[in-house]
Amino acid sequence: MADALLHVLGIDLERSLLSKQSPGSQVISYLGVIDRLAGRGAQAAVLGCTEIGLLVGQSDTPMPLIDSALVHALWAVDAVLPRVAR
């Protein structure tokens, strides 16, 4: 399954970025995995590959998503900017 998801990521992301079109129907593969995880009791899904968030967003599923690219970006901003006195 991991190989199929990586293939979807590579092909669909490349096509959507080069053609400036929305990602193809293969995104359903990611949503299917998320749905299966929810069915098995998962309370959230981690988008562990930073590019997955470019294909799948919170508006695509009721399952809470944790986008690793966003988490990394927020951490970087937090680490670089001085803390505001509270």
PDB file of N, CA and C in Angstrom:
ATOM      1  N   MET A   1       0.824  -1.186   0.000  1.00  0.00           N
ATOM      2  CA  MET A   1       0.000   0.000   0.000  1.00  0.00           C
ATOM      3  C   MET A   1       0.872   1.255   0.000  1.00  0.00           C
ATOM      4  N   ALA A   2       1.987   1.231   0.713  1.00  0.00           N
ATOM      5  CA  ALA A   2       2.854   2.406   0.775  1.00  0.00           C
ATOM      6  C   ALA A   2       3.358   2.785  -0.609  1.00  0.00           C
ATOM      7  N   ASP A   3       3.725   1.782  -1.423  1.00  0.00           N
ATOM      8  CA  ASP A   3       4.196   2.071  -2.780  1.00  0.00           C
ATOM      9  C   ASP A   3       3.118   2.757  -3.602  1.00  0.00           C
ATOM     10  N   ALA A   4       1.883   2.285  -3.461  1.00  0.00           N
ATOM     11  CA  ALA A   4       0.771   2.888  -4.209  1.00  0.00           C
ATOM     12  C   ALA A   4       0.556   4.333  -3.780  1.00  0.00           C
ATOM     13  N   LEU A   5       0.644   4.598  -2.484  1.00  0.00           N
ATOM     14  CA  LEU A   5       0.442   5.961  -2.003  1.00  0.00           C
ATOM     15  C   LEU A   5       1.563   6.881  -2.460  1.00  0.00           C
ATOM     16  N   LEU A   6       2.794   6.395  -2.463  1.00  0.00           N
ATOM     17  CA  LEU A   6       3.909   7.204  -2.956  1.00  0.00           C
ATOM     18  C   LEU A   6       3.764   7.486  -4.448  1.00  0.00           C
ATOM     19  N   HIS A   7       3.279   6.493  -5.198  1.00  0.00           N
ATOM     20  CA  HIS A   7       3.042   6.688  -6.632  1.00  0.00           C
ATOM     21  C   HIS A   7       1.989   7.772  -6.838  1.00  0.00           C
ATOM     22  N   VAL A   8       0.900   7.702  -6.086  1.00  0.00           N
ATOM     23  CA  VAL A   8      -0.160   8.707  -6.189  1.00  0.00           C
ATOM     24  C   VAL A   8       0.412  10.075  -5.871  1.00  0.00           C
ATOM     25  N   LEU A   9       1.185  10.152  -4.819  1.00  0.00           N
ATOM     26  CA  LEU A   9       1.763  11.431  -4.421  1.00  0.00           C
ATOM     27  C   LEU A   9       2.623  11.999  -5.543  1.00  0.00           C
ATOM     28  N   GLY A  10       3.519  11.193  -6.084  1.00  0.00           N
ATOM     29  CA  GLY A  10       4.406  11.665  -7.140  1.00  0.00           C
ATOM     30  C   GLY A  10       3.678  12.070  -8.403  1.00  0.00           C
ATOM     31  N   ILE A  11       2.809  11.203  -8.885  1.00  0.00           N
ATOM     32  CA  ILE A  11       2.113  11.450 -10.156  1.00  0.00           C
ATOM     33  C   ILE A  11       1.087  12.568 -10.029  1.00  0.00           C
ATOM     34  N   ASP A  12       0.191  12.465  -9.049  1.00  0.00           N
ATOM     35  CA  ASP A  12      -0.871  13.469  -8.929  1.00  0.00           C
ATOM     36  C   ASP A  12      -0.330  14.844  -8.567  1.00  0.00           C
ATOM     37  N   LEU A  13       0.630  14.891  -7.678  1.00  0.00           N
ATOM     38  CA  LEU A  13       1.177  16.181  -7.281  1.00  0.00           C
ATOM     39  C   LEU A  13       1.903  16.832  -8.449  1.00  0.00           C
ATOM     40  N   GLU A  14       2.678  16.063  -9.160  1.00  0.00           N
ATOM     41  CA  GLU A  14       3.395  16.590 -10.322  1.00  0.00           C
ATOM     42  C   GLU A  14       2.417  17.112 -11.366  1.00  0.00           C
ATOM     43  N   ARG A  15       1.402  16.331 -11.669  1.00  0.00           N
ATOM     44  CA  ARG A  15       0.410  16.753 -12.670  1.00  0.00           C
ATOM     45  C   ARG A  15      -0.307  18.024 -12.243  1.00  0.00           C
ATOM     46  N   SER A  16      -0.721  18.075 -10.978  1.00  0.00           N
ATOM     47  CA  SER A  16      -1.494  19.233 -10.528  1.00  0.00           C
ATOM     48  C   SER A  16      -0.635  20.492 -10.491  1.00  0.00           C
ATOM     49  N   LEU A  17       0.641  20.364 -10.106  1.00  0.00           N
ATOM     50  CA  LEU A  17       1.503  21.537 -10.057  1.00  0.00           C
ATOM     51  C   LEU A  17       1.890  22.012 -11.452  1.00  0.00           C
ATOM     52  N   LEU A  18       2.175  21.091 -12.349  1.00  0.00           N
ATOM     53  CA  LEU A  18       2.595  21.469 -13.700  1.00  0.00           C
ATOM     54  C   LEU A  18       1.441  22.008 -14.532  1.00  0.00           C
ATOM     55  N   SER A  19       0.255  21.440 -14.345  1.00  0.00           N
ATOM     56  CA  SER A  19      -0.881  21.859 -15.163  1.00  0.00           C
ATOM     57  C   SER A  19      -1.747  22.900 -14.461  1.00  0.00           C
ATOM     58  N   LYS A  20      -1.410  23.206 -13.224  1.00  0.00           N
ATOM     59  CA  LYS A  20      -2.183  24.147 -12.402  1.00  0.00           C
ATOM     60  C   LYS A  20      -3.637  23.712 -12.278  1.00  0.00           C
ATOM     61  N   GLN A  21      -3.855  22.412 -12.264  1.00  0.00           N
ATOM     62  CA  GLN A  21      -5.192  21.860 -12.063  1.00  0.00           C
ATOM     63  C   GLN A  21      -5.243  21.220 -10.689  1.00  0.00           C
ATOM     64  N   SER A  22      -6.453  20.994 -10.206  1.00  0.00           N
ATOM     65  CA  SER A  22      -6.566  20.318  -8.920  1.00  0.00           C
ATOM     66  C   SER A  22      -6.130  18.865  -9.078  1.00  0.00           C
ATOM     67  N   PRO A  23      -5.659  18.250  -7.989  1.00  0.00           N
ATOM     68  CA  PRO A  23      -5.191  16.862  -8.055  1.00  0.00           C
ATOM     69  C   PRO A  23      -6.275  15.917  -8.562  1.00  0.00           C
ATOM     70  N   GLY A  24      -5.850  14.840  -9.189  1.00  0.00           N
ATOM     71  CA  GLY A  24      -6.763  13.882  -9.790  1.00  0.00           C
ATOM     72  C   GLY A  24      -7.485  12.997  -8.790  1.00  0.00           C
ATOM     73  N   SER A  25      -8.248  12.084  -9.326  1.00  0.00           N
ATOM     74  CA  SER A  25      -9.082  11.213  -8.507  1.00  0.00           C
ATOM     75  C   SER A  25      -8.274  10.245  -7.652  1.00  0.00           C
ATOM     76  N   GLN A  26      -6.969  10.117  -7.905  1.00  0.00           N
ATOM     77  CA  GLN A  26      -6.148   9.221  -7.097  1.00  0.00           C
ATOM     78  C   GLN A  26      -6.050   9.677  -5.653  1.00  0.00           C
ATOM     79  N   VAL A  27      -6.409  10.911  -5.380  1.00  0.00           N
ATOM     80  CA  VAL A  27      -6.429  11.404  -4.005  1.00  0.00           C
ATOM     81  C   VAL A  27      -7.374  10.535  -3.174  1.00  0.00           C
ATOM     82  N   ILE A  28      -8.322   9.913  -3.846  1.00  0.00           N
ATOM     83  CA  ILE A  28      -9.260   9.017  -3.165  1.00  0.00           C
ATOM     84  C   ILE A  28      -8.505   7.919  -2.426  1.00  0.00           C
ATOM     85  N   SER A  29      -7.345   7.516  -2.927  1.00  0.00           N
ATOM     86  CA  SER A  29      -6.534   6.504  -2.241  1.00  0.00           C
ATOM     87  C   SER A  29      -6.152   6.980  -0.849  1.00  0.00           C
ATOM     88  N   TYR A  30      -5.716   8.215  -0.726  1.00  0.00           N
ATOM     89  CA  TYR A  30      -5.365   8.751   0.583  1.00  0.00           C
ATOM     90  C   TYR A  30      -6.582   8.853   1.479  1.00  0.00           C
ATOM     91  N   LEU A  31      -7.678   9.330   0.912  1.00  0.00           N
ATOM     92  CA  LEU A  31      -8.894   9.462   1.705  1.00  0.00           C
ATOM     93  C   LEU A  31      -9.412   8.100   2.141  1.00  0.00           C
ATOM     94  N   GLY A  32      -9.237   7.080   1.301  1.00  0.00           N
ATOM     95  CA  GLY A  32      -9.634   5.721   1.670  1.00  0.00           C
ATOM     96  C   GLY A  32      -8.835   5.209   2.852  1.00  0.00           C
ATOM     97  N   VAL A  33      -7.536   5.476   2.851  1.00  0.00           N
ATOM     98  CA  VAL A  33      -6.694   5.067   3.986  1.00  0.00           C
ATOM     99  C   VAL A  33      -7.147   5.791   5.257  1.00  0.00           C
ATOM    100  N   ILE A  34      -7.411   7.076   5.139  1.00  0.00           N
ATOM    101  CA  ILE A  34      -7.865   7.856   6.292  1.00  0.00           C
ATOM    102  C   ILE A  34      -9.197   7.302   6.810  1.00  0.00           C
ATOM    103  N   ASP A  35     -10.117   6.984   5.903  1.00  0.00           N
ATOM    104  CA  ASP A  35     -11.414   6.416   6.308  1.00  0.00           C
ATOM    105  C   ASP A  35     -11.244   5.074   7.007  1.00  0.00           C
ATOM    106  N   ARG A  36     -10.339   4.231   6.482  1.00  0.00           N
ATOM    107  CA  ARG A  36     -10.101   2.932   7.123  1.00  0.00           C
ATOM    108  C   ARG A  36      -9.510   3.110   8.518  1.00  0.00           C
ATOM    109  N   LEU A  37      -8.614   4.064   8.660  1.00  0.00           N
ATOM    110  CA  LEU A  37      -8.043   4.329   9.984  1.00  0.00           C
ATOM    111  C   LEU A  37      -9.129   4.788  10.957  1.00  0.00           C
ATOM    112  N   ALA A  38     -10.014   5.643  10.484  1.00  0.00           N
ATOM    113  CA  ALA A  38     -11.122   6.103  11.330  1.00  0.00           C
ATOM    114  C   ALA A  38     -12.006   4.935  11.736  1.00  0.00           C
ATOM    115  N   GLY A  39     -12.256   4.036  10.794  1.00  0.00           N
ATOM    116  CA  GLY A  39     -13.068   2.860  11.079  1.00  0.00           C
ATOM    117  C   GLY A  39     -12.431   1.934  12.100  1.00  0.00           C
ATOM    118  N   ARG A  40     -11.111   2.000  12.217  1.00  0.00           N
ATOM    119  CA  ARG A  40     -10.397   1.165  13.185  1.00  0.00           C
ATOM    120  C   ARG A  40     -10.162   1.891  14.500  1.00  0.00           C
ATOM    121  N   GLY A  41     -10.755   3.090  14.633  1.00  0.00           N
ATOM    122  CA  GLY A  41     -10.691   3.807  15.904  1.00  0.00           C
ATOM    123  C   GLY A  41      -9.716   4.973  15.971  1.00  0.00           C
ATOM    124  N   ALA A  42      -9.032   5.277  14.884  1.00  0.00           N
ATOM    125  CA  ALA A  42      -8.100   6.409  14.905  1.00  0.00           C
ATOM    126  C   ALA A  42      -8.863   7.703  15.150  1.00  0.00           C
ATOM    127  N   GLN A  43      -8.263   8.586  15.915  1.00  0.00           N
ATOM    128  CA  GLN A  43      -8.903   9.858  16.228  1.00  0.00           C
ATOM    129  C   GLN A  43      -8.349  11.014  15.401  1.00  0.00           C
ATOM    130  N   ALA A  44      -7.248  10.766  14.712  1.00  0.00           N
ATOM    131  CA  ALA A  44      -6.637  11.777  13.837  1.00  0.00           C
ATOM    132  C   ALA A  44      -5.706  11.057  12.872  1.00  0.00           C
ATOM    133  N   ALA A  45      -5.357  11.734  11.794  1.00  0.00           N
ATOM    134  CA  ALA A  45      -4.412  11.187  10.820  1.00  0.00           C
ATOM    135  C   ALA A  45      -3.257  12.165  10.663  1.00  0.00           C
ATOM    136  N   VAL A  46      -2.045  11.646  10.744  1.00  0.00           N
ATOM    137  CA  VAL A  46      -0.851  12.463  10.557  1.00  0.00           C
ATOM    138  C   VAL A  46      -0.446  12.380   9.089  1.00  0.00           C
ATOM    139  N   LEU A  47      -0.351  13.523   8.455  1.00  0.00           N
ATOM    140  CA  LEU A  47       0.130  13.590   7.083  1.00  0.00           C
ATOM    141  C   LEU A  47       1.651  13.689   7.196  1.00  0.00           C
ATOM    142  N   GLY A  48       2.292  12.529   7.341  1.00  0.00           N
ATOM    143  CA  GLY A  48       3.698  12.458   7.690  1.00  0.00           C
ATOM    144  C   GLY A  48       4.658  12.873   6.591  1.00  0.00           C
ATOM    145  N   CYS A  49       4.260  12.782   5.366  1.00  0.00           N
ATOM    146  CA  CYS A  49       5.076  13.257   4.249  1.00  0.00           C
ATOM    147  C   CYS A  49       4.619  14.688   3.981  1.00  0.00           C
ATOM    148  N   THR A  50       5.538  15.622   3.987  1.00  0.00           N
ATOM    149  CA  THR A  50       5.148  17.030   3.918  1.00  0.00           C
ATOM    150  C   THR A  50       4.368  17.400   2.661  1.00  0.00           C
ATOM    151  N   GLU A  51       4.448  16.598   1.608  1.00  0.00           N
ATOM    152  CA  GLU A  51       3.723  16.914   0.375  1.00  0.00           C
ATOM    153  C   GLU A  51       2.258  16.465   0.412  1.00  0.00           C
ATOM    154  N   ILE A  52       1.897  15.561   1.301  1.00  0.00           N
ATOM    155  CA  ILE A  52       0.525  15.041   1.319  1.00  0.00           C
ATOM    156  C   ILE A  52      -0.482  16.160   1.571  1.00  0.00           C
ATOM    157  N   GLY A  53      -0.111  17.129   2.391  1.00  0.00           N
ATOM    158  CA  GLY A  53      -0.999  18.253   2.665  1.00  0.00           C
ATOM    159  C   GLY A  53      -1.319  19.089   1.439  1.00  0.00           C
ATOM    160  N   LEU A  54      -0.526  18.944   0.385  1.00  0.00           N
ATOM    161  CA  LEU A  54      -0.827  19.636  -0.875  1.00  0.00           C
ATOM    162  C   LEU A  54      -1.933  18.923  -1.646  1.00  0.00           C
ATOM    163  N   LEU A  55      -2.151  17.652  -1.331  1.00  0.00           N
ATOM    164  CA  LEU A  55      -3.174  16.861  -2.019  1.00  0.00           C
ATOM    165  C   LEU A  55      -4.453  16.720  -1.202  1.00  0.00           C
ATOM    166  N   VAL A  56      -4.305  16.547   0.096  1.00  0.00           N
ATOM    167  CA  VAL A  56      -5.443  16.263   0.978  1.00  0.00           C
ATOM    168  C   VAL A  56      -5.505  17.350   2.037  1.00  0.00           C
ATOM    169  N   GLY A  57      -6.688  17.896   2.232  1.00  0.00           N
ATOM    170  CA  GLY A  57      -6.859  18.935   3.247  1.00  0.00           C
ATOM    171  C   GLY A  57      -7.990  18.612   4.198  1.00  0.00           C
ATOM    172  N   GLN A  58      -8.100  19.416   5.226  1.00  0.00           N
ATOM    173  CA  GLN A  58      -9.117  19.184   6.238  1.00  0.00           C
ATOM    174  C   GLN A  58     -10.522  19.217   5.661  1.00  0.00           C
ATOM    175  N   SER A  59     -10.722  19.966   4.603  1.00  0.00           N
ATOM    176  CA  SER A  59     -12.060  20.040   4.004  1.00  0.00           C
ATOM    177  C   SER A  59     -12.442  18.745   3.272  1.00  0.00           C
ATOM    178  N   ASP A  60     -11.476  17.838   3.096  1.00  0.00           N
ATOM    179  CA  ASP A  60     -11.738  16.582   2.397  1.00  0.00           C
ATOM    180  C   ASP A  60     -12.232  15.468   3.302  1.00  0.00           C
ATOM    181  N   THR A  61     -12.115  15.627   4.614  1.00  0.00           N
ATOM    182  CA  THR A  61     -12.446  14.543   5.531  1.00  0.00           C
ATOM    183  C   THR A  61     -12.841  15.090   6.898  1.00  0.00           C
ATOM    184  N   PRO A  62     -13.760  14.404   7.576  1.00  0.00           N
ATOM    185  CA  PRO A  62     -14.109  14.830   8.937  1.00  0.00           C
ATOM    186  C   PRO A  62     -13.032  14.446   9.959  1.00  0.00           C
ATOM    187  N   MET A  63     -12.140  13.523   9.594  1.00  0.00           N
ATOM    188  CA  MET A  63     -11.061  13.100  10.489  1.00  0.00           C
ATOM    189  C   MET A  63     -10.088  14.262  10.694  1.00  0.00           C
ATOM    190  N   PRO A  64      -9.770  14.616  11.938  1.00  0.00           N
ATOM    191  CA  PRO A  64      -8.768  15.663  12.156  1.00  0.00           C
ATOM    192  C   PRO A  64      -7.438  15.265  11.517  1.00  0.00           C
ATOM    193  N   LEU A  65      -6.820  16.203  10.820  1.00  0.00           N
ATOM    194  CA  LEU A  65      -5.547  15.959  10.153  1.00  0.00           C
ATOM    195  C   LEU A  65      -4.449  16.763  10.828  1.00  0.00           C
ATOM    196  N   ILE A  66      -3.287  16.152  10.959  1.00  0.00           N
ATOM    197  CA  ILE A  66      -2.104  16.832  11.475  1.00  0.00           C
ATOM    198  C   ILE A  66      -1.116  16.894  10.316  1.00  0.00           C
ATOM    199  N   ASP A  67      -0.972  18.060   9.748  1.00  0.00           N
ATOM    200  CA  ASP A  67      -0.125  18.254   8.573  1.00  0.00           C
ATOM    201  C   ASP A  67       1.302  18.538   9.040  1.00  0.00           C
ATOM    202  N   SER A  68       2.216  17.624   8.761  1.00  0.00           N
ATOM    203  CA  SER A  68       3.579  17.765   9.259  1.00  0.00           C
ATOM    204  C   SER A  68       4.274  19.009   8.693  1.00  0.00           C
ATOM    205  N   ALA A  69       3.932  19.425   7.486  1.00  0.00           N
ATOM    206  CA  ALA A  69       4.535  20.637   6.928  1.00  0.00           C
ATOM    207  C   ALA A  69       4.131  21.855   7.753  1.00  0.00           C
ATOM    208  N   LEU A  70       2.865  21.922   8.132  1.00  0.00           N
ATOM    209  CA  LEU A  70       2.382  23.033   8.950  1.00  0.00           C
ATOM    210  C   LEU A  70       3.018  22.997  10.339  1.00  0.00           C
ATOM    211  N   VAL A  71       3.111  21.809  10.923  1.00  0.00           N
ATOM    212  CA  VAL A  71       3.725  21.665  12.244  1.00  0.00           C
ATOM    213  C   VAL A  71       5.184  22.141  12.200  1.00  0.00           C
ATOM    214  N   HIS A  72       5.906  21.737  11.153  1.00  0.00           N
ATOM    215  CA  HIS A  72       7.301  22.167  11.017  1.00  0.00           C
ATOM    216  C   HIS A  72       7.396  23.685  10.852  1.00  0.00           C
ATOM    217  N   ALA A  73       6.529  24.249  10.035  1.00  0.00           N
ATOM    218  CA  ALA A  73       6.561  25.692   9.793  1.00  0.00           C
ATOM    219  C   ALA A  73       6.259  26.465  11.075  1.00  0.00           C
ATOM    220  N   LEU A  74       5.252  26.028  11.813  1.00  0.00           N
ATOM    221  CA  LEU A  74       4.911  26.708  13.063  1.00  0.00           C
ATOM    222  C   LEU A  74       6.046  26.603  14.075  1.00  0.00           C
ATOM    223  N   TRP A  75       6.681  25.435  14.138  1.00  0.00           N
ATOM    224  CA  TRP A  75       7.808  25.265  15.047  1.00  0.00           C
ATOM    225  C   TRP A  75       8.945  26.209  14.658  1.00  0.00           C
ATOM    226  N   ALA A  76       9.233  26.310  13.366  1.00  0.00           N
ATOM    227  CA  ALA A  76      10.322  27.171  12.901  1.00  0.00           C
ATOM    228  C   ALA A  76      10.053  28.636  13.249  1.00  0.00           C
ATOM    229  N   VAL A  77       8.836  29.079  13.024  1.00  0.00           N
ATOM    230  CA  VAL A  77       8.481  30.456  13.368  1.00  0.00           C
ATOM    231  C   VAL A  77       8.624  30.663  14.867  1.00  0.00           C
ATOM    232  N   ASP A  78       8.130  29.726  15.637  1.00  0.00           N
ATOM    233  CA  ASP A  78       8.207  29.813  17.088  1.00  0.00           C
ATOM    234  C   ASP A  78       9.661  29.833  17.570  1.00  0.00           C
ATOM    235  N   ALA A  79      10.516  29.076  16.908  1.00  0.00           N
ATOM    236  CA  ALA A  79      11.922  28.999  17.311  1.00  0.00           C
ATOM    237  C   ALA A  79      12.693  30.256  16.939  1.00  0.00           C
ATOM    238  N   VAL A  80      12.303  30.922  15.860  1.00  0.00           N
ATOM    239  CA  VAL A  80      13.062  32.062  15.355  1.00  0.00           C
ATOM    240  C   VAL A  80      12.595  33.387  15.958  1.00  0.00           C
ATOM    241  N   LEU A  81      11.296  33.568  16.065  1.00  0.00           N
ATOM    242  CA  LEU A  81      10.778  34.838  16.560  1.00  0.00           C
ATOM    243  C   LEU A  81      10.910  34.908  18.082  1.00  0.00           C
ATOM    244  N   PRO A  82      11.246  36.080  18.578  1.00  0.00           N
ATOM    245  CA  PRO A  82      11.364  36.215  20.044  1.00  0.00           C
ATOM    246  C   PRO A  82       9.998  36.028  20.703  1.00  0.00           C
ATOM    247  N   ARG A  83      10.046  35.501  21.890  1.00  0.00           N
ATOM    248  CA  ARG A  83       8.801  35.281  22.662  1.00  0.00           C
ATOM    249  C   ARG A  83       8.229  36.632  23.104  1.00  0.00           C
ATOM    250  N   VAL A  84       6.929  36.750  23.026  1.00  0.00           N
ATOM    251  CA  VAL A  84       6.246  37.949  23.475  1.00  0.00           C
ATOM    252  C   VAL A  84       6.065  37.836  24.985  1.00  0.00           C
ATOM    253  N   ALA A  85       6.415  38.879  25.694  1.00  0.00           N
ATOM    254  CA  ALA A  85       6.269  38.863  27.159  1.00  0.00           C
ATOM    255  C   ALA A  85       4.797  38.735  27.514  1.00  0.00           C
ATOM    256  N   ARG A  86       4.538  37.845  28.443  1.00  0.00           N
ATOM    257  CA  ARG A  86       3.133  37.627  28.833  1.00  0.00           C
ATOM    258  C   ARG A  86       2.856  38.201  30.184  1.00  0.00           C
TER     259      ARG A  86
END
